[in-house]
C-alpha atoms as a PDB file:
ATOM      1  CA  UNK A   1      31.920  23.382  17.689  1.00  0.00           C
ATOM      2  CA  UNK A   2      29.049  25.736  15.830  1.00  0.00           C
ATOM      3  CA  UNK A   3      29.661  24.278  12.481  1.00  0.00           C
ATOM      4  CA  UNK A   4      29.968  20.793  13.724  1.00  0.00           C
ATOM      5  CA  UNK A   5      26.388  20.822  15.193  1.00  0.00           C
ATOM      6  CA  UNK A   6      25.077  22.637  11.272  1.00  0.00           C
ATOM      7  CA  UNK A   7      26.617  20.193   9.650  1.00  0.00           C
ATOM      8  CA  UNK A   8      25.169  17.047  12.184  1.00  0.00           C
ATOM      9  CA  UNK A   9      21.837  18.715  11.677  1.00  0.00           C
ATOM     10  CA  UNK A  10      21.980  18.825   7.865  1.00  0.00           C
ATOM     11  CA  UNK A  11      22.345  15.469   7.850  1.00  0.00           C
ATOM     12  CA  UNK A  12      19.648  14.971  10.315  1.00  0.00           C
ATOM     13  CA  UNK A  13      17.424  16.645   8.051  1.00  0.00           C
ATOM     14  CA  UNK A  14      18.624  14.508   4.941  1.00  0.00           C
ATOM     15  CA  UNK A  15      17.678  11.488   6.382  1.00  0.00           C
ATOM     16  CA  UNK A  16      14.825  12.597   7.997  1.00  0.00           C
ATOM     17  CA  UNK A  17      13.758  13.000   4.220  1.00  0.00           C
ATOM     18  CA  UNK A  18      14.455  10.209   2.998  1.00  0.00           C
ATOM     19  CA  UNK A  19      12.876   8.569   6.111  1.00  0.00           C
ATOM     20  CA  UNK A  20       9.947  10.425   4.993  1.00  0.00           C
ATOM     21  CA  UNK A  21      10.153   8.624   1.249  1.00  0.00           C
ATOM     22  CA  UNK A  22      10.331   5.261   2.440  1.00  0.00           C
ATOM     23  CA  UNK A  23       7.542   5.756   4.989  1.00  0.00           C
ATOM     24  CA  UNK A  24       6.068   6.811   1.529  1.00  0.00           C
ATOM     25  CA  UNK A  25       6.727   4.093  -0.321  1.00  0.00           C
ATOM     26  CA  UNK A  26       5.089   1.752   2.434  1.00  0.00           C
ATOM     27  CA  UNK A  27       2.209   2.608   2.165  1.00  0.00           C
ATOM     28  CA  UNK A  28       1.920   3.389  -0.919  1.00  0.00           C
ATOM     29  CA  UNK A  29       2.960  -0.491  -1.453  1.00  0.00           C
ATOM     30  CA  UNK A  30       0.628  -1.376   1.283  1.00  0.00           C
ATOM     31  CA  UNK A  31      -2.163   0.283  -0.431  1.00  0.00           C
ATOM     32  CA  UNK A  32      -1.305  -1.164  -3.657  1.00  0.00           C
ATOM     33  CA  UNK A  33      -1.522  -4.723  -2.255  1.00  0.00           C
ATOM     34  CA  UNK A  34      -4.262  -3.961  -0.411  1.00  0.00           C
ATOM     35  CA  UNK A  35      -5.857  -3.057  -2.953  1.00  0.00           C
ATOM     36  CA  UNK A  36      -5.226  -5.871  -5.295  1.00  0.00           C
ATOM     37  CA  UNK A  37      -6.091  -8.111  -2.444  1.00  0.00           C
ATOM     38  CA  UNK A  38      -9.680  -6.658  -2.392  1.00  0.00           C
ATOM     39  CA  UNK A  39      -9.311  -6.843  -5.986  1.00  0.00           C
ATOM     40  CA  UNK A  40      -9.352 -10.375  -6.278  1.00  0.00           C
ATOM     41  CA  UNK A  41     -10.735 -11.061  -2.828  1.00  0.00           C
ATOM     42  CA  UNK A  42     -13.684  -9.754  -5.280  1.00  0.00           C
ATOM     43  CA  UNK A  43     -13.912 -11.162  -8.183  1.00  0.00           C
ATOM     44  CA  UNK A  44     -13.969 -14.302  -6.194  1.00  0.00           C
ATOM     45  CA  UNK A  45     -17.543 -13.704  -4.966  1.00  0.00           C
ATOM     46  CA  UNK A  46     -18.655 -11.887  -8.037  1.00  0.00           C
ATOM     47  CA  UNK A  47     -17.630 -15.692  -9.405  1.00  0.00           C
ATOM     48  CA  UNK A  48     -19.520 -17.449  -6.836  1.00  0.00           C
ATOM     49  CA  UNK A  49     -22.558 -15.385  -7.145  1.00  0.00           C
ATOM     50  CA  UNK A  50     -22.541 -15.627 -11.327  1.00  0.00           C
ATOM     51  CA  UNK A  51     -22.353 -19.408 -10.486  1.00  0.00           C
ATOM     52  CA  UNK A  52     -25.725 -19.533  -8.047  1.00  0.00           C
ATOM     53  CA  UNK A  53     -27.445 -17.563 -10.449  1.00  0.00           C
ATOM     54  CA  UNK A  54     -26.592 -19.794 -12.827  1.00  0.00           C
ATOM     55  CA  UNK A  55     -27.488 -22.788 -11.312  1.00  0.00           C
ATOM     56  CA  UNK A  56     -31.036 -21.246  -9.583  1.00  0.00           C
ATOM     57  CA  UNK A  57     -31.745 -20.362 -14.007  1.00  0.00           C
ATOM     58  CA  UNK A  58     -31.599 -24.184 -14.166  1.00  0.00           C
ATOM     59  CA  UNK A  59     -33.372 -25.360 -11.641  1.00  0.00           C
END
């Protein structure tokens, strides 16, 4: 009976570690996706500002 619980506990710990790995992976992916979207948005915004400045210069 004792060995059965020990085995189960080990399996549970391994599963927990795997789950933690997936959580870390998910967070990392989310972070990169967020950073990429932020970068893209900022680039578009910067381009728009640049165009506005150019239009003002021409006047």
